[in-house]
Amino acid sequence: MDAFFAAIEQRERPELRGRPVVVGGLSARGVVSTASYEARRFGIHSAMPMLEARSRCPHATFLPGRMQLYRRESERVFQIFRRFSPVVEGLSLDEAFLDLAGCERLLGPVEEIARLLRHDVYATTGLCVSVGIAPVKLVAKIASDHAKPDGVRIVREHEIAAFLGPLSVRRIWGLGPGACERLESVGIRTVGELRQRSEAELRTHIGARAARALELARGRDPRRVDAERLRKSYGEECTFTADRCVDDGLRAVVTAQARAVARRLRRDGKRARLLTLKLKLAERVARGRYRMLTRSRTFVRATDDGLTLAEAALALLVRANPSAPVRLVGVSAQRLEEATAGSRELFPEPESARRDQLNRTVDEIRSRFGEGSLRSGAEPAECPSAGADADRRARGKRT
């Protein structure tokens, strides 16, 4: 999708169309989530500090993210994707791989499929999608980037070598910034230069990643589109405008984050066996880097209960005992299981059954009347993790 969050905001507010729009954390420590193409002309991009974005384009419209709205639009877009292929692998809210093998007999050549898909997405949602088509996933992904905004780029089998050759080695999946810097230091700056080297030589620079990088540089990517790709974790995190101590509302933030994670687990029919608390301290360990603390708790039984997760998160906060004020706090749930009948206790304790029923009732009320319609007495009326002075980011990592 093209500038997904910003495009949705421009659709919802027609007066913003054609104007630079930046979506992200609005605090002094916030970062850009998405910038419209009008804003990108000023050099603004995702993950840029919001302060820098404001200095580059002071007249832009800066908006906080609305994740519920973006998720809802994402679901509509993915429904359209599934009309064109039964095999859809979601990478994020706004990006997916579609396996078109066999679809040409039903829908016509790939050029026509791309045209129909883009038409249907725009007709249904008013949003633009760019399409990259290629025999392998890496090339299709890069081709979609080249097609932006609102275009199509098709790379045939015989065109792959010429297409990849002039690109930076940083486009090869699995090579981090450090590995790329080592390659560039010995004169390997492009994909074409990479594939001219032997695996043995590359191993001296990037170790075990050499074989895989060389295969990708040659346009060989054996991975299939995986429609069964599952979510790996659910998490909430926020960066504070001003550093916070444990006694300065930090417990309330952790509680709210744990409950928000629990609601998202229940919404998707998941339960978690592992809970992790992450803290970034106002204590520098290197230039531009701050000390990080992580603490985890494993549950005997997987859970989607907000109170259980909140109590565990608070216990982890006590265990972490941060030695400096906190810049960022996050709570995430991993080791997911389906919340099927088989995963529940055969004879649940009365308190557990009562809490399950309460959670379902609260979820129904919030679904009908909005997130702010009901809250727990343990949650403050204004919690930073729900907005206020924090940069709130809802994350959904996938394997």
Protein backbone atom coordinates (compact mmCIF):
# COMPACT_ATOMS: atom_id res chain seq x y z
CA MET A 1 0.00 0.00 0.00
CA ASP A 2 1.19 3.55 -0.73
CA ALA A 3 1.91 5.64 2.41
CA PHE A 4 -0.86 3.61 4.06
CA PHE A 5 -1.49 5.48 7.33
CA ALA A 6 -1.11 8.93 5.75
CA ALA A 7 -3.26 7.95 2.77
CA ILE A 8 -6.07 6.88 5.10
CA GLU A 9 -5.88 10.19 6.95
CA GLN A 10 -6.02 12.09 3.65
CA ARG A 11 -9.04 10.06 2.59
CA GLU A 12 -10.79 10.74 5.88
CA ARG A 13 -9.97 14.45 5.70
CA PRO A 14 -10.20 15.61 2.08
CA GLU A 15 -8.70 19.00 2.96
CA LEU A 16 -5.37 17.18 3.52
CA ARG A 17 -5.19 15.77 0.00
CA GLY A 18 -2.21 17.09 -1.91
CA ARG A 19 -0.65 18.39 1.30
CA PRO A 20 2.29 16.95 3.30
CA VAL A 21 0.98 14.70 6.07
CA VAL A 22 3.12 12.97 8.70
CA VAL A 23 1.74 10.26 11.01
CA GLY A 24 3.60 9.18 14.14
CA GLY A 25 4.45 10.03 17.71
CA LEU A 26 3.89 13.72 18.35
CA SER A 27 6.07 13.97 21.45
CA ALA A 28 9.58 15.39 21.37
CA ARG A 29 10.90 11.82 21.24
CA GLY A 30 8.36 10.55 18.74
CA VAL A 31 9.25 9.04 15.38
CA VAL A 32 7.59 9.08 11.98
CA SER A 33 5.40 6.06 11.20
CA THR A 34 4.36 7.12 7.71
CA ALA A 35 4.78 10.22 5.57
CA SER A 36 2.65 11.11 2.55
CA TYR A 37 4.43 11.46 -0.77
CA GLU A 38 4.01 15.22 -0.51
CA ALA A 39 5.99 15.10 2.75
CA ARG A 40 8.62 12.75 1.34
CA ARG A 41 9.68 15.44 -1.11
CA PHE A 42 11.15 17.21 1.92
CA GLY A 43 13.24 14.16 2.84
CA ILE A 44 10.88 12.87 5.53
CA HIS A 45 10.74 9.09 5.91
CA SER A 46 9.63 6.37 8.31
CA ALA A 47 11.59 6.03 11.57
CA MET A 48 12.89 9.61 11.31
CA PRO A 49 12.75 11.54 14.62
CA MET A 50 9.64 13.70 14.61
CA LEU A 51 11.66 16.76 15.59
CA GLU A 52 13.73 16.42 12.42
CA ALA A 53 10.58 15.94 10.34
CA ARG A 54 9.13 19.15 11.79
CA SER A 55 12.30 21.05 10.99
CA ARG A 56 12.31 19.76 7.40
CA CYS A 57 8.67 20.63 6.76
CA PRO A 58 7.17 22.91 9.44
CA HIS A 59 4.00 23.47 7.41
CA ALA A 60 3.13 19.76 7.22
CA THR A 61 0.14 18.35 9.10
CA PHE A 62 1.35 16.11 11.94
CA LEU A 63 -1.11 13.50 13.21
CA PRO A 64 -1.03 10.73 15.84
CA GLY A 65 -1.66 7.22 14.59
CA ARG A 66 -5.10 5.61 14.76
CA MET A 67 -4.26 1.91 14.81
CA GLN A 68 -7.84 0.67 15.13
CA LEU A 69 -8.77 2.49 11.93
CA TYR A 70 -5.65 1.27 10.12
CA ARG A 71 -6.27 -2.35 11.16
CA ARG A 72 -9.85 -2.16 9.95
CA GLU A 73 -8.75 -0.83 6.56
CA SER A 74 -6.04 -3.48 6.38
CA GLU A 75 -8.64 -6.21 6.82
CA ARG A 76 -10.69 -4.77 3.94
CA VAL A 77 -7.63 -4.69 1.69
CA PHE A 78 -6.62 -8.26 2.54
CA GLN A 79 -10.14 -9.46 1.73
CA ILE A 80 -9.63 -8.05 -1.76
CA PHE A 81 -6.22 -9.72 -2.06
CA ARG A 82 -7.83 -13.09 -1.33
CA ARG A 83 -10.19 -12.65 -4.28
CA PHE A 84 -7.15 -12.83 -6.56
CA SER A 85 -5.25 -15.65 -4.87
CA PRO A 86 -6.03 -18.19 -2.15
CA VAL A 87 -2.39 -17.96 -1.01
CA VAL A 88 -1.76 -14.61 0.67
CA GLU A 89 1.15 -14.06 3.06
CA GLY A 90 0.74 -10.92 5.14
CA LEU A 91 3.95 -9.14 6.12
CA SER A 92 2.36 -6.20 7.93
CA LEU A 93 -0.87 -4.21 7.93
CA ASP A 94 -0.08 -2.77 4.49
CA GLU A 95 2.04 -5.36 2.70
CA ALA A 96 1.57 -8.90 1.44
CA PHE A 97 2.83 -11.52 -0.99
CA LEU A 98 0.31 -13.20 -3.31
CA ASP A 99 1.08 -16.44 -5.14
CA LEU A 100 -0.41 -16.10 -8.63
CA ALA A 101 0.60 -19.57 -9.83
CA GLY A 102 -2.38 -20.93 -11.77
CA CYS A 103 -4.38 -17.71 -11.45
CA GLU A 104 -3.63 -16.65 -15.03
CA ARG A 105 -6.02 -19.29 -16.38
CA LEU A 106 -8.86 -17.65 -14.46
CA LEU A 107 -7.91 -13.97 -14.44
CA GLY A 108 -5.74 -13.49 -17.50
CA PRO A 109 -2.09 -12.40 -17.85
CA VAL A 110 -0.29 -10.90 -14.88
CA GLU A 111 -0.56 -7.39 -16.33
CA GLU A 112 -4.34 -7.71 -16.28
CA ILE A 113 -4.33 -9.20 -12.76
CA ALA A 114 -2.30 -6.25 -11.48
CA ARG A 115 -4.67 -3.79 -13.16
CA LEU A 116 -7.77 -5.47 -11.71
CA LEU A 117 -6.29 -5.74 -8.22
CA ARG A 118 -5.31 -2.07 -8.11
CA HIS A 119 -8.71 -1.07 -9.48
CA ASP A 120 -10.63 -3.12 -6.93
CA VAL A 121 -8.58 -1.85 -3.98
CA TYR A 122 -9.11 1.76 -5.01
CA ALA A 123 -12.80 1.31 -5.83
CA THR A 124 -13.45 -0.30 -2.44
CA THR A 125 -11.20 1.72 -0.14
CA GLY A 126 -10.15 4.84 -2.03
CA LEU A 127 -6.51 3.83 -1.42
CA CYS A 128 -3.68 3.15 -3.85
CA VAL A 129 -1.59 -0.01 -3.97
CA SER A 130 1.63 -0.56 -5.90
CA VAL A 131 2.30 -4.01 -7.35
CA GLY A 132 5.58 -5.79 -8.05
CA ILE A 133 5.49 -9.10 -9.94
CA ALA A 134 8.41 -11.49 -10.32
CA PRO A 135 9.25 -15.23 -10.19
CA VAL A 136 10.77 -14.93 -6.67
CA LYS A 137 9.82 -13.08 -3.49
CA LEU A 138 12.91 -10.88 -3.11
CA VAL A 139 12.57 -9.48 -6.63
CA ALA A 140 8.80 -9.00 -6.32
CA LYS A 141 9.31 -7.03 -3.11
CA ILE A 142 11.92 -4.73 -4.65
CA ALA A 143 9.82 -4.36 -7.81
CA SER A 144 6.87 -3.15 -5.72
CA ASP A 145 9.12 -0.46 -4.24
CA HIS A 146 10.14 0.60 -7.75
CA ALA A 147 6.47 0.77 -8.76
CA LYS A 148 5.59 3.39 -6.14
CA PRO A 149 3.53 5.41 -6.06
CA ASP A 150 0.45 3.78 -7.58
CA GLY A 151 2.15 1.70 -10.25
CA VAL A 152 3.13 -1.76 -11.48
CA ARG A 153 6.59 -3.21 -12.11
CA ILE A 154 6.96 -6.65 -13.68
CA VAL A 155 10.34 -8.39 -13.74
CA ARG A 156 10.51 -11.50 -15.94
CA GLU A 157 12.85 -14.42 -15.36
CA HIS A 158 15.36 -13.26 -17.97
CA GLU A 159 15.35 -9.71 -16.55
CA ILE A 160 16.27 -10.57 -12.96
CA ALA A 161 20.06 -10.29 -13.32
CA ALA A 162 19.87 -6.89 -14.99
CA PHE A 163 17.27 -5.68 -12.51
CA LEU A 164 19.23 -6.66 -9.39
CA GLY A 165 22.74 -5.86 -10.64
CA PRO A 166 22.92 -2.08 -10.02
CA LEU A 167 21.07 -2.19 -6.69
CA SER A 168 22.84 -1.65 -3.36
CA VAL A 169 23.86 -4.75 -1.42
CA ARG A 170 21.65 -3.32 1.34
CA ARG A 171 18.65 -4.61 -0.62
CA ILE A 172 19.67 -8.22 0.03
CA TRP A 173 17.56 -9.76 2.80
CA GLY A 174 19.48 -10.97 5.82
CA LEU A 175 22.38 -8.52 5.52
CA GLY A 176 22.33 -6.03 8.37
CA PRO A 177 24.02 -2.62 8.42
CA GLY A 178 27.23 -4.05 9.88
CA ALA A 179 27.56 -6.75 7.22
CA CYS A 180 26.86 -4.24 4.45
CA GLU A 181 29.46 -1.85 5.80
CA ARG A 182 32.06 -4.64 5.76
CA LEU A 183 31.21 -5.50 2.17
CA GLU A 184 31.31 -1.87 1.09
CA SER A 185 34.69 -1.40 2.77
CA VAL A 186 36.18 -3.99 0.39
CA GLY A 187 34.54 -2.54 -2.71
CA ILE A 188 31.37 -4.67 -2.83
CA ARG A 189 28.67 -2.04 -3.08
CA THR A 190 26.17 -3.43 -5.57
CA VAL A 191 24.35 -6.74 -5.98
CA GLY A 192 26.20 -7.22 -9.28
CA GLU A 193 29.56 -6.89 -7.53
CA LEU A 194 28.42 -9.26 -4.80
CA ARG A 195 27.52 -12.09 -7.15
CA GLN A 196 30.90 -11.87 -8.88
CA ARG A 197 32.67 -12.92 -5.67
CA SER A 198 33.10 -16.48 -4.49
CA GLU A 199 31.32 -17.85 -1.44
CA ALA A 200 34.67 -18.50 0.22
CA GLU A 201 35.71 -14.87 -0.16
CA LEU A 202 32.38 -13.59 1.09
CA ARG A 203 32.59 -15.83 4.15
CA THR A 204 35.67 -13.93 5.29
CA HIS A 205 33.56 -10.75 5.40
CA ILE A 206 30.04 -11.85 6.43
CA GLY A 207 30.48 -15.38 7.74
CA ALA A 208 27.68 -17.94 7.42
CA ARG A 209 25.39 -15.48 5.64
CA ALA A 210 27.57 -15.65 2.52
CA ALA A 211 25.85 -18.61 0.84
CA ARG A 212 22.34 -17.23 1.30
CA ALA A 213 23.35 -13.71 0.21
CA LEU A 214 25.00 -15.09 -2.92
CA GLU A 215 21.90 -17.09 -3.87
CA LEU A 216 19.67 -14.03 -3.48
CA ALA A 217 22.10 -11.87 -5.46
CA ARG A 218 21.76 -14.38 -8.30
CA GLY A 219 17.97 -14.15 -8.13
CA ARG A 220 17.45 -17.52 -6.48
CA ASP A 221 14.92 -17.41 -3.66
CA PRO A 222 13.35 -20.81 -2.91
CA ARG A 223 10.90 -19.55 -0.31
CA ARG A 224 7.23 -20.07 -1.11
CA VAL A 225 4.43 -17.67 -0.33
CA ASP A 226 3.24 -18.94 3.04
CA ALA A 227 -0.44 -18.35 3.76
CA GLU A 228 -0.03 -20.04 7.15
CA ARG A 229 2.50 -17.52 8.39
CA LEU A 230 1.53 -16.87 11.99
CA ARG A 231 1.82 -13.93 14.29
CA LYS A 232 4.75 -14.33 16.66
CA SER A 233 3.94 -11.75 19.32
CA TYR A 234 1.65 -8.98 20.46
CA GLY A 235 3.14 -5.89 22.04
CA GLU A 236 2.54 -2.34 23.19
CA GLU A 237 5.26 0.20 23.86
CA CYS A 238 5.59 3.93 24.36
CA THR A 239 8.37 6.49 24.55
CA PHE A 240 7.86 9.16 27.21
CA THR A 241 8.15 12.86 26.60
CA ALA A 242 10.02 13.11 29.92
CA ASP A 243 11.88 10.28 31.64
CA ARG A 244 9.88 8.51 34.34
CA CYS A 245 10.71 6.78 37.58
CA VAL A 246 8.87 3.71 38.85
CA ASP A 247 6.87 5.84 41.28
CA ASP A 248 6.02 8.41 38.60
CA GLY A 249 3.11 6.63 36.93
CA LEU A 250 5.20 3.86 35.38
CA ARG A 251 3.14 1.12 37.03
CA ALA A 252 -0.04 2.55 35.52
CA VAL A 253 1.50 2.52 32.05
CA VAL A 254 2.68 -1.08 32.40
CA THR A 255 -0.77 -2.12 33.63
CA ALA A 256 -2.53 -0.42 30.73
CA GLN A 257 -0.12 -1.97 28.20
CA ALA A 258 -0.61 -5.48 29.61
CA ARG A 259 -4.39 -5.10 29.45
CA ALA A 260 -4.19 -3.76 25.89
CA VAL A 261 -2.09 -6.78 24.86
CA ALA A 262 -4.66 -9.08 26.49
CA ARG A 263 -7.50 -7.44 24.54
CA ARG A 264 -5.66 -7.94 21.26
CA LEU A 265 -4.96 -11.59 22.14
CA ARG A 266 -8.64 -12.20 22.81
CA ARG A 267 -9.68 -10.36 19.66
CA ASP A 268 -7.56 -12.73 17.54
CA GLY A 269 -8.38 -15.85 19.52
CA LYS A 270 -4.86 -16.27 20.92
CA ARG A 271 -3.31 -16.97 24.31
CA ALA A 272 0.31 -16.47 25.40
CA ARG A 273 2.70 -18.48 27.54
CA LEU A 274 5.45 -15.87 27.73
CA LEU A 275 5.33 -12.22 28.81
CA THR A 276 8.26 -9.82 28.34
CA LEU A 277 8.83 -6.38 29.82
CA LYS A 278 11.25 -4.04 28.02
CA LEU A 279 12.72 -0.88 29.53
CA LYS A 280 14.98 1.66 27.88
CA LEU A 281 16.80 3.64 30.56
CA ALA A 282 17.97 7.25 30.40
CA GLU A 283 21.51 5.94 30.68
CA ARG A 284 23.76 6.07 27.62
CA VAL A 285 26.01 3.10 26.89
CA ALA A 286 27.28 4.43 23.55
CA ARG A 287 26.68 7.29 21.19
CA GLY A 288 22.97 7.39 20.43
CA ARG A 289 22.33 4.19 22.39
CA TYR A 290 20.70 3.72 25.77
CA ARG A 291 20.81 0.86 28.21
CA MET A 292 18.07 -1.73 27.68
CA LEU A 293 16.59 -4.07 30.28
CA THR A 294 14.33 -7.04 29.48
CA ARG A 295 12.65 -9.40 31.92
CA SER A 296 10.38 -12.34 31.06
CA ARG A 297 7.88 -14.63 32.76
CA THR A 298 6.63 -18.01 31.51
CA PHE A 299 3.13 -19.15 32.46
CA VAL A 300 2.21 -22.75 33.23
CA ARG A 301 -0.95 -22.28 31.14
CA ALA A 302 -1.35 -19.91 28.23
CA THR A 303 -3.49 -16.89 29.10
CA ASP A 304 -5.36 -13.99 27.52
CA ASP A 305 -6.44 -12.45 30.82
CA GLY A 306 -5.53 -8.80 31.36
CA LEU A 307 -5.29 -9.03 35.14
CA THR A 308 -2.95 -12.03 34.94
CA LEU A 309 -0.71 -10.29 32.40
CA ALA A 310 -0.76 -7.01 34.33
CA GLU A 311 0.21 -8.65 37.61
CA ALA A 312 3.04 -10.51 35.88
CA ALA A 313 4.27 -7.34 34.17
CA LEU A 314 4.30 -5.41 37.44
CA ALA A 315 6.25 -8.23 39.10
CA LEU A 316 8.78 -8.03 36.26
CA LEU A 317 9.06 -4.28 36.80
CA VAL A 318 9.92 -4.88 40.45
CA ARG A 319 12.42 -7.54 39.41
CA ALA A 320 14.06 -5.23 36.87
CA ASN A 321 14.51 -2.52 39.53
CA PRO A 322 15.71 0.11 37.00
CA SER A 323 18.70 2.07 38.28
CA ALA A 324 17.86 5.15 36.18
CA PRO A 325 14.70 6.89 34.94
CA VAL A 326 12.91 5.19 32.05
CA ARG A 327 12.66 6.58 28.50
CA LEU A 328 10.64 3.76 26.96
CA VAL A 329 8.54 0.90 28.32
CA GLY A 330 6.98 -2.00 26.47
CA VAL A 331 5.02 -5.15 27.24
CA SER A 332 4.81 -8.04 24.79
CA ALA A 333 3.31 -11.54 24.75
CA GLN A 334 4.98 -14.45 22.94
CA ARG A 335 4.74 -18.24 22.56
CA LEU A 336 1.21 -18.01 21.27
CA GLU A 337 -1.45 -20.70 21.22
CA GLU A 338 -4.92 -20.84 19.75
CA ALA A 339 -7.57 -20.08 22.38
CA THR A 340 -9.59 -23.14 21.39
CA ALA A 341 -11.75 -25.19 23.68
CA GLY A 342 -8.97 -27.75 23.88
CA SER A 343 -6.58 -25.20 25.36
CA ARG A 344 -8.90 -24.36 28.26
CA GLU A 345 -9.06 -26.22 31.53
CA LEU A 346 -11.60 -29.07 31.60
CA PHE A 347 -12.80 -28.00 35.04
CA PRO A 348 -11.83 -24.33 35.41
CA GLU A 349 -11.81 -22.74 38.83
CA PRO A 350 -14.82 -20.50 39.50
CA GLU A 351 -12.64 -17.37 39.58
CA SER A 352 -11.05 -18.25 36.23
CA ALA A 353 -14.43 -18.91 34.61
CA ARG A 354 -15.85 -15.68 36.04
CA ARG A 355 -12.89 -13.70 34.67
CA ASP A 356 -13.26 -15.26 31.22
CA GLN A 357 -16.91 -14.23 31.14
CA LEU A 358 -16.07 -10.73 32.36
CA ASN A 359 -13.39 -10.32 29.67
CA ARG A 360 -15.80 -11.38 26.94
CA THR A 361 -18.45 -8.96 28.18
CA VAL A 362 -15.99 -6.05 28.38
CA ASP A 363 -14.70 -6.84 24.88
CA GLU A 364 -18.23 -6.79 23.48
CA ILE A 365 -18.95 -3.41 25.09
CA ARG A 366 -15.71 -1.90 23.79
CA SER A 367 -16.30 -3.34 20.33
CA ARG A 368 -19.74 -1.75 20.23
CA PHE A 369 -19.08 1.61 21.91
CA GLY A 370 -15.34 2.16 21.45
CA GLU A 371 -12.12 1.56 23.40
CA GLY A 372 -12.73 4.46 25.80
CA SER A 373 -16.25 3.37 26.75
CA LEU A 374 -15.12 1.15 29.62
CA ARG A 375 -12.00 0.77 31.72
CA SER A 376 -10.78 -1.12 34.74
CA GLY A 377 -10.61 0.60 38.12
CA ALA A 378 -6.89 -0.26 38.06
CA GLU A 379 -6.38 1.90 34.98
CA PRO A 380 -6.12 5.68 35.35
CA ALA A 381 -8.52 7.84 33.37
CA GLU A 382 -5.59 9.22 31.41
CA CYS A 383 -2.83 6.72 30.84
CA PRO A 384 0.23 7.67 28.79
CA SER A 385 0.17 4.39 26.91
CA ALA A 386 -3.22 5.33 25.51
CA GLY A 387 -2.11 8.71 24.24
CA ALA A 388 -1.49 11.75 26.46
CA ASP A 389 2.23 12.60 26.51
CA ALA A 390 3.56 9.33 25.14
CA ASP A 391 4.35 8.02 21.69
CA ARG A 392 2.26 4.85 21.59
CA ARG A 393 3.09 2.16 19.05
CA ALA A 394 1.12 -1.05 18.63
CA ARG A 395 3.29 -3.77 17.17
CA GLY A 396 2.46 -7.16 15.68
CA LYS A 397 5.55 -9.17 14.79
CA ARG A 398 5.31 -12.24 12.61
CA THR A 399 7.48 -15.26 11.92
